[in-house]
All heavy atoms as atom14 arrays in JSON, in Angstrom:
{
  "sequence": "VITEGAKYRPWRYTLTLQDDGALEGLLVMQGWEDSQEMKMWYELNKGK",
  "atom14_mask": [
    [1, 1, 1, 1, 1, 1, 1, 0, 0, 0, 0, 0, 0, 0],
    [1, 1, 1, 1, 1, 1, 1, 1, 0, 0, 0, 0, 0, 0],
    [1, 1, 1, 1, 1, 1, 1, 0, 0, 0, 0, 0, 0, 0],
    [1, 1, 1, 1, 1, 1, 1, 1, 1, 0, 0, 0, 0, 0],
    [1, 1, 1, 1, 0, 0, 0, 0, 0, 0, 0, 0, 0, 0],
    [1, 1, 1, 1, 1, 0, 0, 0, 0, 0, 0, 0, 0, 0],
    [1, 1, 1, 1, 1, 1, 1, 1, 1, 0, 0, 0, 0, 0],
    [1, 1, 1, 1, 1, 1, 1, 1, 1, 1, 1, 1, 0, 0],
    [1, 1, 1, 1, 1, 1, 1, 1, 1, 1, 1, 0, 0, 0],
    [1, 1, 1, 1, 1, 1, 1, 0, 0, 0, 0, 0, 0, 0],
    [1, 1, 1, 1, 1, 1, 1, 1, 1, 1, 1, 1, 1, 1],
    [1, 1, 1, 1, 1, 1, 1, 1, 1, 1, 1, 0, 0, 0],
    [1, 1, 1, 1, 1, 1, 1, 1, 1, 1, 1, 1, 0, 0],
    [1, 1, 1, 1, 1, 1, 1, 0, 0, 0, 0, 0, 0, 0],
    [1, 1, 1, 1, 1, 1, 1, 1, 0, 0, 0, 0, 0, 0],
    [1, 1, 1, 1, 1, 1, 1, 0, 0, 0, 0, 0, 0, 0],
    [1, 1, 1, 1, 1, 1, 1, 1, 0, 0, 0, 0, 0, 0],
    [1, 1, 1, 1, 1, 1, 1, 1, 1, 0, 0, 0, 0, 0],
    [1, 1, 1, 1, 1, 1, 1, 1, 0, 0, 0, 0, 0, 0],
    [1, 1, 1, 1, 1, 1, 1, 1, 0, 0, 0, 0, 0, 0],
    [1, 1, 1, 1, 0, 0, 0, 0, 0, 0, 0, 0, 0, 0],
    [1, 1, 1, 1, 1, 0, 0, 0, 0, 0, 0, 0, 0, 0],
    [1, 1, 1, 1, 1, 1, 1, 1, 0, 0, 0, 0, 0, 0],
    [1, 1, 1, 1, 1, 1, 1, 1, 1, 0, 0, 0, 0, 0],
    [1, 1, 1, 1, 0, 0, 0, 0, 0, 0, 0, 0, 0, 0],
    [1, 1, 1, 1, 1, 1, 1, 1, 0, 0, 0, 0, 0, 0],
    [1, 1, 1, 1, 1, 1, 1, 1, 0, 0, 0, 0, 0, 0],
    [1, 1, 1, 1, 1, 1, 1, 0, 0, 0, 0, 0, 0, 0],
    [1, 1, 1, 1, 1, 1, 1, 1, 0, 0, 0, 0, 0, 0],
    [1, 1, 1, 1, 1, 1, 1, 1, 1, 0, 0, 0, 0, 0],
    [1, 1, 1, 1, 0, 0, 0, 0, 0, 0, 0, 0, 0, 0],
    [1, 1, 1, 1, 1, 1, 1, 1, 1, 1, 1, 1, 1, 1],
    [1, 1, 1, 1, 1, 1, 1, 1, 1, 0, 0, 0, 0, 0],
    [1, 1, 1, 1, 1, 1, 1, 1, 0, 0, 0, 0, 0, 0],
    [1, 1, 1, 1, 1, 1, 0, 0, 0, 0, 0, 0, 0, 0],
    [1, 1, 1, 1, 1, 1, 1, 1, 1, 0, 0, 0, 0, 0],
    [1, 1, 1, 1, 1, 1, 1, 1, 1, 0, 0, 0, 0, 0],
    [1, 1, 1, 1, 1, 1, 1, 1, 0, 0, 0, 0, 0, 0],
    [1, 1, 1, 1, 1, 1, 1, 1, 1, 0, 0, 0, 0, 0],
    [1, 1, 1, 1, 1, 1, 1, 1, 0, 0, 0, 0, 0, 0],
    [1, 1, 1, 1, 1, 1, 1, 1, 1, 1, 1, 1, 1, 1],
    [1, 1, 1, 1, 1, 1, 1, 1, 1, 1, 1, 1, 0, 0],
    [1, 1, 1, 1, 1, 1, 1, 1, 1, 0, 0, 0, 0, 0],
    [1, 1, 1, 1, 1, 1, 1, 1, 0, 0, 0, 0, 0, 0],
    [1, 1, 1, 1, 1, 1, 1, 1, 0, 0, 0, 0, 0, 0],
    [1, 1, 1, 1, 1, 1, 1, 1, 1, 0, 0, 0, 0, 0],
    [1, 1, 1, 1, 0, 0, 0, 0, 0, 0, 0, 0, 0, 0],
    [1, 1, 1, 1, 1, 1, 1, 1, 1, 0, 0, 0, 0, 0]
  ],
  "atom14_positions": [
    [[132.42, 182.51, 109.37], [131.79, 181.38, 108.69], [130.36, 181.79, 108.36], [129.66, 182.38, 109.18], [131.79, 180.13, 109.58], [131.04, 178.99, 108.94], [133.21, 179.71, 109.93], [0.0, 0.0, 0.0], [0.0, 0.0, 0.0], [0.0, 0.0, 0.0], [0.0, 0.0, 0.0], [0.0, 0.0, 0.0], [0.0, 0.0, 0.0], [0.0, 0.0, 0.0]],
    [[129.94, 181.48, 107.13], [128.55, 181.73, 106.75], [127.85, 180.38, 106.69], [128.28, 179.48, 105.96], [128.46, 182.47, 105.41], [129.16, 183.83, 105.54], [127.0, 182.63, 104.98], [129.34, 184.56, 104.24], [0.0, 0.0, 0.0], [0.0, 0.0, 0.0], [0.0, 0.0, 0.0], [0.0, 0.0, 0.0], [0.0, 0.0, 0.0], [0.0, 0.0, 0.0]],
    [[126.79, 180.24, 107.47], [126.05, 178.98, 107.55], [124.75, 179.11, 106.76], [124.53, 180.1, 106.08], [125.75, 178.6, 109.01], [124.98, 179.63, 109.61], [127.03, 178.41, 109.81], [0.0, 0.0, 0.0], [0.0, 0.0, 0.0], [0.0, 0.0, 0.0], [0.0, 0.0, 0.0], [0.0, 0.0, 0.0], [0.0, 0.0, 0.0], [0.0, 0.0, 0.0]],
    [[123.92, 178.12, 106.89], [122.64, 178.08, 106.18], [121.88, 179.39, 106.32], [121.99, 180.07, 107.33], [121.78, 176.91, 106.7], [121.28, 177.08, 108.12], [122.33, 176.95, 109.22], [123.33, 176.24, 109.05], [122.14, 177.59, 110.27], [0.0, 0.0, 0.0], [0.0, 0.0, 0.0], [0.0, 0.0, 0.0], [0.0, 0.0, 0.0], [0.0, 0.0, 0.0]],
    [[121.15, 179.73, 105.32], [120.39, 180.98, 105.38], [121.25, 182.21, 105.31], [120.83, 183.3, 105.7], [0.0, 0.0, 0.0], [0.0, 0.0, 0.0], [0.0, 0.0, 0.0], [0.0, 0.0, 0.0], [0.0, 0.0, 0.0], [0.0, 0.0, 0.0], [0.0, 0.0, 0.0], [0.0, 0.0, 0.0], [0.0, 0.0, 0.0], [0.0, 0.0, 0.0]],
    [[122.49, 182.07, 104.86], [123.43, 183.19, 104.73], [123.67, 183.91, 106.06], [123.91, 185.1, 106.09], [122.97, 184.17, 103.66], [0.0, 0.0, 0.0], [0.0, 0.0, 0.0], [0.0, 0.0, 0.0], [0.0, 0.0, 0.0], [0.0, 0.0, 0.0], [0.0, 0.0, 0.0], [0.0, 0.0, 0.0], [0.0, 0.0, 0.0], [0.0, 0.0, 0.0]],
    [[123.62, 183.16, 107.17], [123.86, 183.76, 108.48], [125.36, 183.8, 108.75], [126.02, 182.77, 108.76], [123.16, 182.97, 109.57], [123.46, 183.52, 110.95], [122.39, 183.25, 111.92], [122.84, 183.74, 113.28], [122.12, 184.76, 113.84], [0.0, 0.0, 0.0], [0.0, 0.0, 0.0], [0.0, 0.0, 0.0], [0.0, 0.0, 0.0], [0.0, 0.0, 0.0]],
    [[125.89, 185.0, 109.0], [127.3, 185.17, 109.34], [127.51, 184.81, 110.8], [126.75, 185.22, 111.67], [127.76, 186.61, 109.09], [129.17, 186.85, 109.58], [130.24, 186.47, 108.79], [129.41, 187.4, 110.82], [131.55, 186.65, 109.23], [130.71, 187.58, 111.28], [131.77, 187.21, 110.47], [133.06, 187.38, 110.92], [0.0, 0.0, 0.0], [0.0, 0.0, 0.0]],
    [[128.55, 184.03, 111.05], [128.92, 183.69, 112.42], [130.41, 184.0, 112.61], [131.22, 183.63, 111.75], [128.63, 182.22, 112.69], [127.15, 181.9, 112.46], [126.84, 180.47, 112.8], [125.52, 180.09, 112.39], [124.43, 180.13, 113.15], [124.5, 180.6, 114.37], [123.28, 179.69, 112.71], [0.0, 0.0, 0.0], [0.0, 0.0, 0.0], [0.0, 0.0, 0.0]],
    [[130.78, 184.66, 113.7], [132.17, 185.07, 113.88], [133.08, 183.96, 114.43], [133.98, 184.2, 115.21], [132.04, 186.22, 114.89], [130.85, 185.84, 115.71], [129.9, 185.18, 114.75], [0.0, 0.0, 0.0], [0.0, 0.0, 0.0], [0.0, 0.0, 0.0], [0.0, 0.0, 0.0], [0.0, 0.0, 0.0], [0.0, 0.0, 0.0], [0.0, 0.0, 0.0]],
    [[132.84, 182.74, 114.01], [133.6, 181.6, 114.5], [135.0, 181.59, 113.9], [135.2, 181.91, 112.74], [132.91, 180.3, 114.14], [131.53, 180.16, 114.68], [130.94, 180.9, 115.67], [130.53, 179.23, 114.26], [129.67, 180.47, 115.9], [129.38, 179.46, 115.04], [130.5, 178.24, 113.29], [128.22, 178.71, 114.9], [129.35, 177.5, 113.14], [128.22, 177.72, 113.94]],
    [[135.96, 181.18, 114.71], [137.32, 180.94, 114.21], [137.36, 179.52, 113.66], [136.65, 178.65, 114.14], [138.35, 181.1, 115.33], [138.55, 182.54, 115.75], [139.62, 182.68, 116.83], [139.17, 182.04, 118.06], [139.84, 181.09, 118.7], [140.99, 180.64, 118.25], [139.37, 180.57, 119.79], [0.0, 0.0, 0.0], [0.0, 0.0, 0.0], [0.0, 0.0, 0.0]],
    [[138.19, 179.3, 112.66], [138.33, 177.95, 112.13], [139.8, 177.63, 111.92], [140.62, 178.48, 111.56], [137.55, 177.75, 110.82], [137.8, 178.79, 109.76], [138.82, 178.63, 108.83], [137.01, 179.93, 109.68], [139.06, 179.6, 107.86], [137.23, 180.89, 108.7], [138.25, 180.71, 107.8], [138.48, 181.66, 106.83], [0.0, 0.0, 0.0], [0.0, 0.0, 0.0]],
    [[140.14, 176.39, 112.2], [141.45, 175.82, 111.94], [141.18, 174.47, 111.28], [140.68, 173.55, 111.93], [142.27, 175.64, 113.23], [142.38, 176.9, 113.88], [143.65, 175.1, 112.93], [0.0, 0.0, 0.0], [0.0, 0.0, 0.0], [0.0, 0.0, 0.0], [0.0, 0.0, 0.0], [0.0, 0.0, 0.0], [0.0, 0.0, 0.0], [0.0, 0.0, 0.0]],
    [[141.47, 174.38, 109.98], [141.13, 173.2, 109.2], [142.37, 172.69, 108.48], [143.21, 173.48, 108.05], [140.05, 173.54, 108.17], [138.78, 174.2, 108.72], [137.98, 174.82, 107.6], [137.96, 173.2, 109.5], [0.0, 0.0, 0.0], [0.0, 0.0, 0.0], [0.0, 0.0, 0.0], [0.0, 0.0, 0.0], [0.0, 0.0, 0.0], [0.0, 0.0, 0.0]],
    [[142.45, 171.39, 108.33], [143.56, 170.78, 107.6], [143.01, 170.07, 106.38], [142.11, 169.23, 106.5], [144.32, 169.77, 108.49], [144.78, 170.45, 109.65], [145.5, 169.18, 107.75], [0.0, 0.0, 0.0], [0.0, 0.0, 0.0], [0.0, 0.0, 0.0], [0.0, 0.0, 0.0], [0.0, 0.0, 0.0], [0.0, 0.0, 0.0], [0.0, 0.0, 0.0]],
    [[143.52, 170.44, 105.2], [143.14, 169.79, 103.96], [144.22, 168.76, 103.62], [145.39, 169.1, 103.45], [143.02, 170.82, 102.83], [142.63, 170.3, 101.46], [141.26, 169.63, 101.5], [142.64, 171.41, 100.44], [0.0, 0.0, 0.0], [0.0, 0.0, 0.0], [0.0, 0.0, 0.0], [0.0, 0.0, 0.0], [0.0, 0.0, 0.0], [0.0, 0.0, 0.0]],
    [[143.82, 167.5, 103.56], [144.74, 166.41, 103.25], [144.98, 166.31, 101.74], [144.2, 166.85, 100.95], [144.16, 165.08, 103.77], [143.8, 165.08, 105.24], [145.0, 165.27, 106.15], [146.11, 164.86, 105.83], [144.79, 165.9, 107.29], [0.0, 0.0, 0.0], [0.0, 0.0, 0.0], [0.0, 0.0, 0.0], [0.0, 0.0, 0.0], [0.0, 0.0, 0.0]],
    [[146.0, 165.6, 101.34], [146.31, 165.42, 99.93], [145.19, 164.71, 99.17], [145.01, 164.95, 97.98], [147.61, 164.61, 99.76], [148.83, 165.39, 100.21], [148.77, 166.64, 100.22], [149.85, 164.77, 100.56], [0.0, 0.0, 0.0], [0.0, 0.0, 0.0], [0.0, 0.0, 0.0], [0.0, 0.0, 0.0], [0.0, 0.0, 0.0], [0.0, 0.0, 0.0]],
    [[144.43, 163.86, 99.85], [143.34, 163.13, 99.19], [142.04, 163.94, 99.13], [141.01, 163.44, 98.68], [143.09, 161.8, 99.89], [142.6, 161.95, 101.33], [142.46, 163.1, 101.81], [142.36, 160.91, 101.97], [0.0, 0.0, 0.0], [0.0, 0.0, 0.0], [0.0, 0.0, 0.0], [0.0, 0.0, 0.0], [0.0, 0.0, 0.0], [0.0, 0.0, 0.0]],
    [[142.07, 165.2, 99.58], [140.9, 166.07, 99.52], [140.05, 166.07, 100.78], [139.12, 166.86, 100.89], [0.0, 0.0, 0.0], [0.0, 0.0, 0.0], [0.0, 0.0, 0.0], [0.0, 0.0, 0.0], [0.0, 0.0, 0.0], [0.0, 0.0, 0.0], [0.0, 0.0, 0.0], [0.0, 0.0, 0.0], [0.0, 0.0, 0.0], [0.0, 0.0, 0.0]],
    [[140.37, 165.2, 101.73], [139.64, 165.17, 103.0], [139.99, 166.41, 103.82], [141.11, 166.91, 103.8], [139.96, 163.91, 103.79], [0.0, 0.0, 0.0], [0.0, 0.0, 0.0], [0.0, 0.0, 0.0], [0.0, 0.0, 0.0], [0.0, 0.0, 0.0], [0.0, 0.0, 0.0], [0.0, 0.0, 0.0], [0.0, 0.0, 0.0], [0.0, 0.0, 0.0]],
    [[139.01, 166.9, 104.54], [139.16, 168.1, 105.35], [138.73, 167.78, 106.77], [137.69, 167.12, 106.97], [138.26, 169.2, 104.77], [138.25, 170.54, 105.47], [139.5, 171.33, 105.07], [137.02, 171.32, 105.09], [0.0, 0.0, 0.0], [0.0, 0.0, 0.0], [0.0, 0.0, 0.0], [0.0, 0.0, 0.0], [0.0, 0.0, 0.0], [0.0, 0.0, 0.0]],
    [[139.49, 168.22, 107.74], [139.04, 168.09, 109.14], [139.66, 169.18, 109.97], [140.68, 169.76, 109.62], [139.35, 166.7, 109.71], [140.78, 166.37, 109.94], [140.91, 165.0, 110.57], [140.44, 164.01, 110.0], [141.52, 164.93, 111.65], [0.0, 0.0, 0.0], [0.0, 0.0, 0.0], [0.0, 0.0, 0.0], [0.0, 0.0, 0.0], [0.0, 0.0, 0.0]],
    [[138.96, 169.49, 111.07], [139.47, 170.54, 111.94], [138.44, 170.99, 112.94], [137.51, 170.26, 113.28], [0.0, 0.0, 0.0], [0.0, 0.0, 0.0], [0.0, 0.0, 0.0], [0.0, 0.0, 0.0], [0.0, 0.0, 0.0], [0.0, 0.0, 0.0], [0.0, 0.0, 0.0], [0.0, 0.0, 0.0], [0.0, 0.0, 0.0], [0.0, 0.0, 0.0]],
    [[138.61, 172.24, 113.4], [137.78, 172.8, 114.46], [137.15, 174.12, 114.06], [137.78, 174.94, 113.38], [138.64, 173.06, 115.71], [139.23, 171.88, 116.44], [140.16, 172.37, 117.54], [138.14, 171.0, 117.01], [0.0, 0.0, 0.0], [0.0, 0.0, 0.0], [0.0, 0.0, 0.0], [0.0, 0.0, 0.0], [0.0, 0.0, 0.0], [0.0, 0.0, 0.0]],
    [[135.93, 174.33, 114.53], [135.28, 175.63, 114.54], [135.25, 176.03, 116.01], [134.86, 175.23, 116.87], [133.86, 175.54, 114.01], [133.69, 174.95, 112.61], [132.2, 174.79, 112.29], [134.37, 175.81, 111.58], [0.0, 0.0, 0.0], [0.0, 0.0, 0.0], [0.0, 0.0, 0.0], [0.0, 0.0, 0.0], [0.0, 0.0, 0.0], [0.0, 0.0, 0.0]],
    [[135.65, 177.25, 116.35], [135.8, 177.66, 117.75], [135.14, 179.01, 117.99], [135.24, 179.92, 117.16], [137.3, 177.77, 118.13], [137.47, 178.19, 119.58], [138.03, 176.47, 117.85], [0.0, 0.0, 0.0], [0.0, 0.0, 0.0], [0.0, 0.0, 0.0], [0.0, 0.0, 0.0], [0.0, 0.0, 0.0], [0.0, 0.0, 0.0], [0.0, 0.0, 0.0]],
    [[134.47, 179.13, 119.13], [133.88, 180.42, 119.53], [134.03, 180.6, 121.03], [133.85, 179.66, 121.78], [132.39, 180.44, 119.15], [131.74, 181.79, 119.31], [132.37, 182.99, 118.13], [132.94, 184.27, 119.2], [0.0, 0.0, 0.0], [0.0, 0.0, 0.0], [0.0, 0.0, 0.0], [0.0, 0.0, 0.0], [0.0, 0.0, 0.0], [0.0, 0.0, 0.0]],
    [[134.38, 181.82, 121.42], [134.5, 182.17, 122.83], [133.4, 183.15, 123.2], [132.91, 183.89, 122.36], [135.86, 182.79, 123.11], [136.99, 181.85, 122.89], [138.34, 182.52, 123.12], [138.44, 183.74, 123.15], [139.37, 181.72, 123.26], [0.0, 0.0, 0.0], [0.0, 0.0, 0.0], [0.0, 0.0, 0.0], [0.0, 0.0, 0.0], [0.0, 0.0, 0.0]],
    [[133.06, 183.16, 124.47], [132.03, 184.07, 124.97], [130.75, 183.29, 125.28], [130.4, 182.36, 124.57], [0.0, 0.0, 0.0], [0.0, 0.0, 0.0], [0.0, 0.0, 0.0], [0.0, 0.0, 0.0], [0.0, 0.0, 0.0], [0.0, 0.0, 0.0], [0.0, 0.0, 0.0], [0.0, 0.0, 0.0], [0.0, 0.0, 0.0], [0.0, 0.0, 0.0]],
    [[130.07, 183.68, 126.33], [128.91, 182.93, 126.79], [127.8, 182.84, 125.75], [127.34, 181.76, 125.4], [128.36, 183.55, 128.09], [129.23, 183.23, 129.25], [130.15, 184.07, 129.82], [129.33, 182.0, 129.95], [130.79, 183.43, 130.84], [130.31, 182.16, 130.95], [128.68, 180.78, 129.83], [130.65, 181.13, 131.82], [129.02, 179.75, 130.7], [130.0, 179.94, 131.68]],
    [[127.35, 183.96, 125.22], [126.23, 183.95, 124.27], [126.61, 183.28, 122.96], [125.85, 182.47, 122.43], [125.73, 185.37, 124.02], [125.01, 185.96, 125.2], [124.51, 187.37, 124.92], [124.29, 187.7, 123.74], [124.36, 188.12, 125.89], [0.0, 0.0, 0.0], [0.0, 0.0, 0.0], [0.0, 0.0, 0.0], [0.0, 0.0, 0.0], [0.0, 0.0, 0.0]],
    [[127.78, 183.61, 122.43], [128.22, 183.04, 121.16], [128.45, 181.54, 121.29], [128.15, 180.78, 120.37], [129.47, 183.74, 120.65], [129.2, 185.17, 120.23], [128.08, 185.46, 119.75], [130.1, 186.02, 120.39], [0.0, 0.0, 0.0], [0.0, 0.0, 0.0], [0.0, 0.0, 0.0], [0.0, 0.0, 0.0], [0.0, 0.0, 0.0], [0.0, 0.0, 0.0]],
    [[129.01, 181.09, 122.41], [129.22, 179.66, 122.62], [127.89, 178.91, 122.71], [127.76, 177.8, 122.19], [130.03, 179.41, 123.9], [131.35, 179.88, 123.74], [0.0, 0.0, 0.0], [0.0, 0.0, 0.0], [0.0, 0.0, 0.0], [0.0, 0.0, 0.0], [0.0, 0.0, 0.0], [0.0, 0.0, 0.0], [0.0, 0.0, 0.0], [0.0, 0.0, 0.0]],
    [[126.9, 179.53, 123.36], [125.58, 178.9, 123.46], [124.95, 178.75, 122.06], [124.37, 177.73, 121.74], [124.64, 179.73, 124.35], [125.0, 179.7, 125.82], [124.88, 178.31, 126.41], [124.05, 177.51, 126.02], [125.73, 178.04, 127.38], [0.0, 0.0, 0.0], [0.0, 0.0, 0.0], [0.0, 0.0, 0.0], [0.0, 0.0, 0.0], [0.0, 0.0, 0.0]],
    [[125.1, 179.78, 121.24], [124.57, 179.73, 119.88], [125.27, 178.64, 119.07], [124.64, 177.91, 118.32], [124.76, 181.09, 119.2], [124.12, 181.16, 117.84], [124.24, 182.55, 117.22], [124.06, 183.55, 117.94], [124.51, 182.6, 116.02], [0.0, 0.0, 0.0], [0.0, 0.0, 0.0], [0.0, 0.0, 0.0], [0.0, 0.0, 0.0], [0.0, 0.0, 0.0]],
    [[126.58, 178.51, 119.25], [127.34, 177.47, 118.54], [126.88, 176.08, 119.0], [126.72, 175.18, 118.16], [128.84, 177.64, 118.78], [129.68, 176.59, 118.08], [131.43, 176.81, 118.37], [131.93, 177.37, 116.75], [0.0, 0.0, 0.0], [0.0, 0.0, 0.0], [0.0, 0.0, 0.0], [0.0, 0.0, 0.0], [0.0, 0.0, 0.0], [0.0, 0.0, 0.0]],
    [[126.65, 175.9, 120.29], [126.19, 174.61, 120.79], [124.82, 174.26, 120.22], [124.57, 173.11, 119.85], [126.15, 174.6, 122.32], [127.54, 174.59, 122.95], [127.49, 174.4, 124.45], [127.08, 175.66, 125.15], [127.17, 175.58, 126.62], [0.0, 0.0, 0.0], [0.0, 0.0, 0.0], [0.0, 0.0, 0.0], [0.0, 0.0, 0.0], [0.0, 0.0, 0.0]],
    [[123.93, 175.23, 120.11], [122.61, 174.98, 119.53], [122.75, 174.61, 118.05], [122.06, 173.7, 117.58], [121.7, 176.2, 119.69], [121.27, 176.42, 121.13], [120.04, 177.73, 121.4], [120.52, 179.02, 120.33], [0.0, 0.0, 0.0], [0.0, 0.0, 0.0], [0.0, 0.0, 0.0], [0.0, 0.0, 0.0], [0.0, 0.0, 0.0], [0.0, 0.0, 0.0]],
    [[123.63, 175.29, 117.31], [123.86, 174.95, 115.91], [124.36, 173.51, 115.78], [123.91, 172.77, 114.93], [124.85, 175.93, 115.29], [125.1, 175.67, 113.83], [124.37, 176.16, 112.78], [126.12, 174.86, 113.26], [124.88, 175.69, 111.6], [125.96, 174.89, 111.87], [127.16, 174.09, 113.8], [126.79, 174.2, 111.0], [127.99, 173.4, 112.93], [127.81, 173.46, 111.56]],
    [[125.28, 173.13, 116.67], [125.81, 171.76, 116.65], [124.68, 170.75, 116.88], [124.57, 169.77, 116.14], [126.9, 171.59, 117.72], [127.29, 170.14, 117.87], [128.14, 169.55, 116.94], [126.79, 169.36, 118.9], [128.48, 168.22, 117.05], [127.13, 168.03, 119.01], [127.97, 167.46, 118.08], [128.3, 166.13, 118.19], [0.0, 0.0, 0.0], [0.0, 0.0, 0.0]],
    [[123.85, 170.98, 117.88], [122.77, 170.03, 118.18], [121.82, 169.87, 116.99], [121.32, 168.78, 116.74], [122.0, 170.46, 119.43], [122.79, 170.33, 120.72], [123.25, 168.9, 121.02], [122.52, 167.95, 120.69], [124.34, 168.75, 121.58], [0.0, 0.0, 0.0], [0.0, 0.0, 0.0], [0.0, 0.0, 0.0], [0.0, 0.0, 0.0], [0.0, 0.0, 0.0]],
    [[121.56, 170.94, 116.27], [120.67, 170.87, 115.1], [121.32, 170.15, 113.92], [120.61, 169.6, 113.06], [120.27, 172.27, 114.65], [119.3, 173.02, 115.56], [119.15, 174.46, 115.1], [117.94, 172.32, 115.57], [0.0, 0.0, 0.0], [0.0, 0.0, 0.0], [0.0, 0.0, 0.0], [0.0, 0.0, 0.0], [0.0, 0.0, 0.0], [0.0, 0.0, 0.0]],
    [[122.65, 170.18, 113.83], [123.33, 169.7, 112.63], [124.27, 168.51, 112.83], [124.85, 168.04, 111.85], [124.12, 170.86, 112.01], [123.22, 171.93, 111.49], [122.53, 171.76, 110.5], [123.18, 173.06, 112.19], [0.0, 0.0, 0.0], [0.0, 0.0, 0.0], [0.0, 0.0, 0.0], [0.0, 0.0, 0.0], [0.0, 0.0, 0.0], [0.0, 0.0, 0.0]],
    [[124.42, 168.01, 114.05], [125.4, 166.93, 114.29], [125.08, 165.71, 113.42], [123.92, 165.33, 113.26], [125.46, 166.56, 115.76], [124.21, 165.97, 116.33], [124.39, 165.71, 117.81], [123.07, 165.28, 118.42], [123.19, 165.14, 119.86], [0.0, 0.0, 0.0], [0.0, 0.0, 0.0], [0.0, 0.0, 0.0], [0.0, 0.0, 0.0], [0.0, 0.0, 0.0]],
    [[126.14, 165.2, 112.8], [126.02, 164.02, 111.97], [125.49, 164.27, 110.56], [125.53, 163.39, 109.72], [0.0, 0.0, 0.0], [0.0, 0.0, 0.0], [0.0, 0.0, 0.0], [0.0, 0.0, 0.0], [0.0, 0.0, 0.0], [0.0, 0.0, 0.0], [0.0, 0.0, 0.0], [0.0, 0.0, 0.0], [0.0, 0.0, 0.0], [0.0, 0.0, 0.0]],
    [[124.98, 165.46, 110.28], [124.47, 165.8, 108.95], [125.58, 166.49, 108.15], [126.46, 167.12, 108.72], [123.31, 166.8, 109.04], [122.13, 166.35, 109.82], [121.11, 167.49, 109.85], [120.01, 167.25, 110.84], [119.14, 168.43, 110.96], [0.0, 0.0, 0.0], [0.0, 0.0, 0.0], [0.0, 0.0, 0.0], [0.0, 0.0, 0.0], [0.0, 0.0, 0.0]]
  ]
}
């Protein structure tokens, strides 16, 4: 996944695209350091 600032993140994604165009799913990361980075990204962007 490439996030803001063109930063590459090795996150896995499983997303479902509905017939009406809505999208929902999960971004997943394993490992202590990578999971911490993902949690920080979430805190900065939750709800936005």
